[in-house]
Amino acid sequence: MAMAARLVSRSRQLYSAQAAFVNGGATQARSFAKDTASDRPPVSGDDLLKGIFFEVKKKFETALGVLKKEKITIDPDDPAAVARYAEVMKTVREKAGLFSDSQRIKYTIETFTNGIPDARTYLNTLQEIRVKSGLIDHLGIEPLMMEAVEKIEKDIKKPLLRNDKKNMATLLAEFDKINKKLGFSKEDLPKIGEELELEIAKSELTELKKECIEAMETQLKREEFKDEEMPDVKTLDIRNFL
């Protein structure tokens, strides 16, 4: 399970990185900059913190509102319960405006690589992002991508700029070869993404089940509950505890 999640996460990061090569990685960053442009009046530090607090509070209340309505069965061994949990969590993210795993990777890459003119610096920055994020390049993707850049730079005898459409197209063709070599296909990503969401959902349900059992065991140790029997976790309705 953990290996599958790492592979999908890396494949998503790989394709996000390669896609950002094409558009310069600036689209989302520019949109964010536009939303916070100078046409807005300046705000004080207190007002800024207050705005952040209320935004987080709003997202939390929205997420809690969804969880209070939707039934979740705490049974990580039941595929139907896992699929239902994944569906509820997706609704929470959509309504609360939270990033999914792939969206977070894409946003981070685009934000930190915005304005980088050449491919080599871009890849070095990508490596820094990976390291700071605690991700491990298990498949050795980064060296292969850098080799592709070096190959083209050797042919053109100058740094490869990201606005060089002709040679960037050649680089992306080299990336496609790398993807095939590693067994990645863009067409497979939606299906792999769905499988990953289910793996994450099962992992989270397993942890939730563990925490519920530990909490009930602690409760039953108290004198006033010594004659009570521990209920089956699957029968619990977390909506009653929110």
Protein backbone atom coordinates (compact mmCIF):
# COMPACT_ATOMS: atom_id res chain seq x y z
CA MET A 1 0.00 0.00 0.00
CA ALA A 2 2.70 2.48 1.03
CA MET A 3 4.79 1.70 -2.06
CA ALA A 4 1.78 2.17 -4.34
CA ALA A 5 1.07 5.55 -2.77
CA ARG A 6 4.69 6.64 -3.21
CA LEU A 7 4.75 5.57 -6.83
CA VAL A 8 1.54 7.38 -7.68
CA SER A 9 2.65 10.46 -5.78
CA ARG A 10 5.92 10.51 -7.71
CA SER A 11 4.17 9.92 -11.03
CA ARG A 12 1.84 12.81 -10.32
CA GLN A 13 4.79 15.00 -9.38
CA LEU A 14 6.61 13.90 -12.51
CA TYR A 15 3.77 14.85 -14.83
CA SER A 16 3.07 18.09 -12.94
CA ALA A 17 6.71 19.04 -13.29
CA GLN A 18 6.84 18.21 -16.98
CA ALA A 19 3.58 20.06 -17.67
CA ALA A 20 4.89 23.16 -15.93
CA PHE A 21 7.88 23.13 -18.30
CA VAL A 22 5.51 23.87 -21.17
CA ASN A 23 3.61 26.86 -19.75
CA GLY A 24 6.46 28.29 -17.71
CA GLY A 25 4.75 27.24 -14.50
CA ALA A 26 3.24 30.66 -14.02
CA THR A 27 -0.49 30.22 -14.60
CA GLN A 28 -1.62 29.51 -11.07
CA ALA A 29 0.96 31.79 -9.46
CA ARG A 30 -0.14 34.64 -11.71
CA SER A 31 -3.76 34.00 -10.81
CA PHE A 32 -2.89 34.14 -7.13
CA ALA A 33 -0.88 37.32 -7.66
CA LYS A 34 -3.80 38.86 -9.52
CA ASP A 35 -6.16 38.08 -6.66
CA THR A 36 -3.81 39.81 -4.22
CA ALA A 37 -2.75 42.63 -6.50
CA SER A 38 -2.14 46.25 -5.55
CA ASP A 39 -5.73 47.26 -6.35
CA ARG A 40 -6.60 46.02 -2.87
CA PRO A 41 -5.97 48.44 0.00
CA PRO A 42 -3.01 47.57 2.26
CA VAL A 43 -3.88 45.69 5.45
CA SER A 44 -2.26 45.64 8.85
CA GLY A 45 -0.62 42.57 10.34
CA ASP A 46 -3.52 42.13 12.78
CA ASP A 47 -6.10 42.33 10.00
CA LEU A 48 -4.10 39.83 7.94
CA LEU A 49 -3.95 37.34 10.81
CA LYS A 50 -7.63 37.90 11.52
CA GLY A 51 -8.46 37.17 7.89
CA ILE A 52 -6.40 33.96 7.94
CA PHE A 53 -8.06 32.85 11.17
CA PHE A 54 -11.59 33.38 9.84
CA GLU A 55 -10.70 31.64 6.57
CA VAL A 56 -9.41 28.57 8.44
CA LYS A 57 -12.44 28.68 10.74
CA LYS A 58 -14.77 28.81 7.74
CA LYS A 59 -13.09 25.79 6.11
CA PHE A 60 -13.21 23.84 9.38
CA GLU A 61 -16.91 24.57 9.91
CA THR A 62 -17.68 23.63 6.31
CA ALA A 63 -15.84 20.32 6.66
CA LEU A 64 -17.56 19.63 9.98
CA GLY A 65 -20.94 20.39 8.41
CA VAL A 66 -20.36 17.72 5.76
CA LEU A 67 -19.24 15.14 8.33
CA LYS A 68 -22.31 15.81 10.46
CA LYS A 69 -24.58 14.92 7.52
CA GLU A 70 -22.79 12.04 5.83
CA LYS A 71 -22.80 8.51 7.29
CA ILE A 72 -19.40 6.86 7.64
CA THR A 73 -18.93 3.21 8.58
CA ILE A 74 -15.66 2.58 10.39
CA ASP A 75 -14.78 -0.68 8.65
CA PRO A 76 -11.51 -0.57 6.69
CA ASP A 77 -12.02 -4.21 5.64
CA ASP A 78 -15.26 -3.44 3.78
CA PRO A 79 -14.59 -2.09 0.23
CA ALA A 80 -18.00 -0.40 0.19
CA ALA A 81 -17.28 1.40 3.48
CA VAL A 82 -13.86 2.48 2.19
CA ALA A 83 -15.34 3.79 -1.06
CA ARG A 84 -18.01 5.68 0.89
CA TYR A 85 -15.42 7.24 3.18
CA ALA A 86 -13.33 8.31 0.17
CA GLU A 87 -16.42 9.88 -1.41
CA VAL A 88 -17.23 11.82 1.78
CA MET A 89 -13.65 13.07 2.09
CA LYS A 90 -13.74 14.21 -1.53
CA THR A 91 -16.92 16.16 -0.79
CA VAL A 92 -15.24 17.72 2.24
CA ARG A 93 -12.29 18.89 0.13
CA GLU A 94 -14.50 20.26 -2.63
CA LYS A 95 -16.87 22.18 -0.35
CA ALA A 96 -14.17 23.45 2.00
CA GLY A 97 -11.87 24.41 -0.86
CA LEU A 98 -9.04 22.11 0.24
CA PHE A 99 -6.34 20.78 -2.06
CA SER A 100 -6.20 17.16 -3.06
CA ASP A 101 -2.81 15.44 -3.12
CA SER A 102 -2.25 16.09 -6.82
CA GLN A 103 -3.46 19.70 -6.61
CA ARG A 104 -1.11 20.42 -3.71
CA ILE A 105 1.86 19.01 -5.63
CA LYS A 106 0.95 20.99 -8.75
CA TYR A 107 0.47 24.25 -6.83
CA THR A 108 3.75 23.89 -4.94
CA ILE A 109 5.73 23.21 -8.12
CA GLU A 110 4.14 26.05 -10.06
CA THR A 111 4.56 28.54 -7.21
CA PHE A 112 8.22 27.86 -6.50
CA THR A 113 9.32 27.50 -10.12
CA ASN A 114 7.48 30.57 -11.41
CA GLY A 115 9.86 32.79 -13.38
CA ILE A 116 12.74 30.31 -13.65
CA PRO A 117 14.05 30.80 -17.21
CA ASP A 118 16.05 27.62 -17.83
CA ALA A 119 15.38 23.91 -17.57
CA ARG A 120 18.44 23.06 -15.46
CA THR A 121 17.60 25.51 -12.68
CA TYR A 122 14.01 24.33 -12.83
CA LEU A 123 15.01 20.72 -12.19
CA ASN A 124 17.37 21.72 -9.38
CA THR A 125 14.54 23.67 -7.76
CA LEU A 126 12.24 20.70 -8.20
CA GLN A 127 14.76 18.54 -6.36
CA GLU A 128 14.89 21.06 -3.49
CA ILE A 129 11.09 20.99 -3.24
CA ARG A 130 11.14 17.19 -3.10
CA VAL A 131 13.78 17.09 -0.37
CA LYS A 132 12.03 19.73 1.76
CA SER A 133 8.77 17.82 1.34
CA GLY A 134 10.37 14.65 2.68
CA LEU A 135 9.83 12.73 -0.57
CA ILE A 136 12.33 10.15 -1.80
CA ASP A 137 13.12 9.67 -5.48
CA HIS A 138 12.83 5.88 -5.27
CA LEU A 139 12.87 5.36 -9.02
CA GLY A 140 15.74 7.69 -9.84
CA ILE A 141 13.57 9.96 -12.00
CA GLU A 142 15.49 13.18 -11.38
CA PRO A 143 18.88 11.97 -12.69
CA LEU A 144 17.17 10.69 -15.85
CA MET A 145 15.46 14.02 -16.41
CA MET A 146 18.71 15.92 -15.85
CA GLU A 147 20.50 13.62 -18.29
CA ALA A 148 17.89 14.53 -20.90
CA VAL A 149 18.52 18.23 -20.29
CA GLU A 150 22.29 17.76 -20.50
CA LYS A 151 21.93 15.81 -23.75
CA ILE A 152 20.00 18.64 -25.41
CA GLU A 153 22.26 21.37 -24.02
CA LYS A 154 25.24 19.52 -25.40
CA ASP A 155 23.61 19.46 -28.84
CA ILE A 156 22.59 23.12 -28.87
CA LYS A 157 25.79 24.25 -27.07
CA LYS A 158 23.97 26.61 -24.70
CA PRO A 159 21.60 26.51 -21.70
CA LEU A 160 18.14 25.19 -22.52
CA LEU A 161 15.62 27.96 -21.92
CA ARG A 162 12.01 27.12 -21.16
CA ASN A 163 10.73 29.53 -23.80
CA ASP A 164 12.72 27.69 -26.49
CA LYS A 165 9.71 25.91 -27.98
CA LYS A 166 11.63 23.76 -30.45
CA ASN A 167 14.16 22.33 -28.03
CA MET A 168 11.65 22.11 -25.17
CA ALA A 169 9.51 19.93 -27.43
CA THR A 170 12.56 17.71 -27.89
CA LEU A 171 13.01 17.59 -24.12
CA LEU A 172 9.40 16.60 -23.55
CA ALA A 173 9.83 13.83 -26.10
CA GLU A 174 12.79 12.61 -24.03
CA PHE A 175 10.60 12.76 -20.93
CA ASP A 176 8.01 10.60 -22.66
CA LYS A 177 10.70 7.98 -23.22
CA ILE A 178 11.58 8.15 -19.52
CA ASN A 179 7.92 7.76 -18.57
CA LYS A 180 7.54 4.67 -20.73
CA LYS A 181 10.77 3.22 -19.35
CA LEU A 182 9.45 3.62 -15.81
CA GLY A 183 6.02 2.28 -16.74
CA PHE A 184 4.11 5.54 -16.40
CA SER A 185 1.33 6.57 -18.76
CA LYS A 186 -0.64 9.81 -18.67
CA GLU A 187 -3.73 7.92 -19.74
CA ASP A 188 -3.49 5.69 -16.66
CA LEU A 189 -3.23 8.54 -14.14
CA PRO A 190 -7.00 9.05 -13.53
CA LYS A 191 -7.46 5.36 -12.73
CA ILE A 192 -4.29 5.25 -10.62
CA GLY A 193 -5.45 8.39 -8.83
CA GLU A 194 -8.76 6.75 -7.92
CA GLU A 195 -6.93 3.69 -6.60
CA LEU A 196 -4.67 5.92 -4.53
CA GLU A 197 -7.66 7.73 -3.00
CA LEU A 198 -9.08 4.36 -1.94
CA GLU A 199 -5.72 3.32 -0.46
CA ILE A 200 -5.56 6.58 1.49
CA ALA A 201 -9.17 6.16 2.62
CA LYS A 202 -8.49 2.62 3.85
CA SER A 203 -5.39 3.79 5.71
CA GLU A 204 -7.30 6.64 7.38
CA LEU A 205 -10.20 4.36 8.31
CA THR A 206 -7.75 1.86 9.82
CA GLU A 207 -6.22 4.62 11.95
CA LEU A 208 -9.68 5.89 12.94
CA LYS A 209 -10.72 2.38 13.98
CA LYS A 210 -7.57 2.03 16.07
CA GLU A 211 -8.19 5.35 17.82
CA CYS A 212 -11.82 4.48 18.54
CA ILE A 213 -10.89 1.14 20.07
CA GLU A 214 -8.19 2.73 22.22
CA ALA A 215 -10.62 5.43 23.40
CA MET A 216 -13.29 2.84 24.31
CA GLU A 217 -10.78 0.63 26.11
CA THR A 218 -9.65 3.60 28.17
CA GLN A 219 -13.27 4.47 28.96
CA LEU A 220 -14.10 0.91 30.07
CA LYS A 221 -11.29 1.04 32.63
CA ARG A 222 -13.22 3.65 34.57
CA GLU A 223 -15.26 2.40 37.53
CA GLU A 224 -18.62 3.65 36.24
CA PHE A 225 -18.22 1.71 32.98
CA LYS A 226 -16.76 -1.55 34.30
CA ASP A 227 -19.96 -3.49 33.59
CA GLU A 228 -20.37 -2.14 30.07
CA GLU A 229 -19.48 -4.11 26.95
CA MET A 230 -17.41 -2.60 24.18
CA PRO A 231 -19.57 -2.01 21.09
CA ASP A 232 -18.47 -3.06 17.63
CA VAL A 233 -16.71 -0.10 16.01
CA LYS A 234 -18.71 -0.67 12.82
CA THR A 235 -21.93 0.20 14.69
CA LEU A 236 -20.69 3.61 15.78
CA ASP A 237 -22.09 6.70 14.06
CA ILE A 238 -19.51 9.47 14.35
CA ARG A 239 -22.21 12.03 13.57
CA ASN A 240 -23.42 11.53 17.14
CA PHE A 241 -20.06 12.64 18.50
CA LEU A 242 -19.57 15.81 16.42
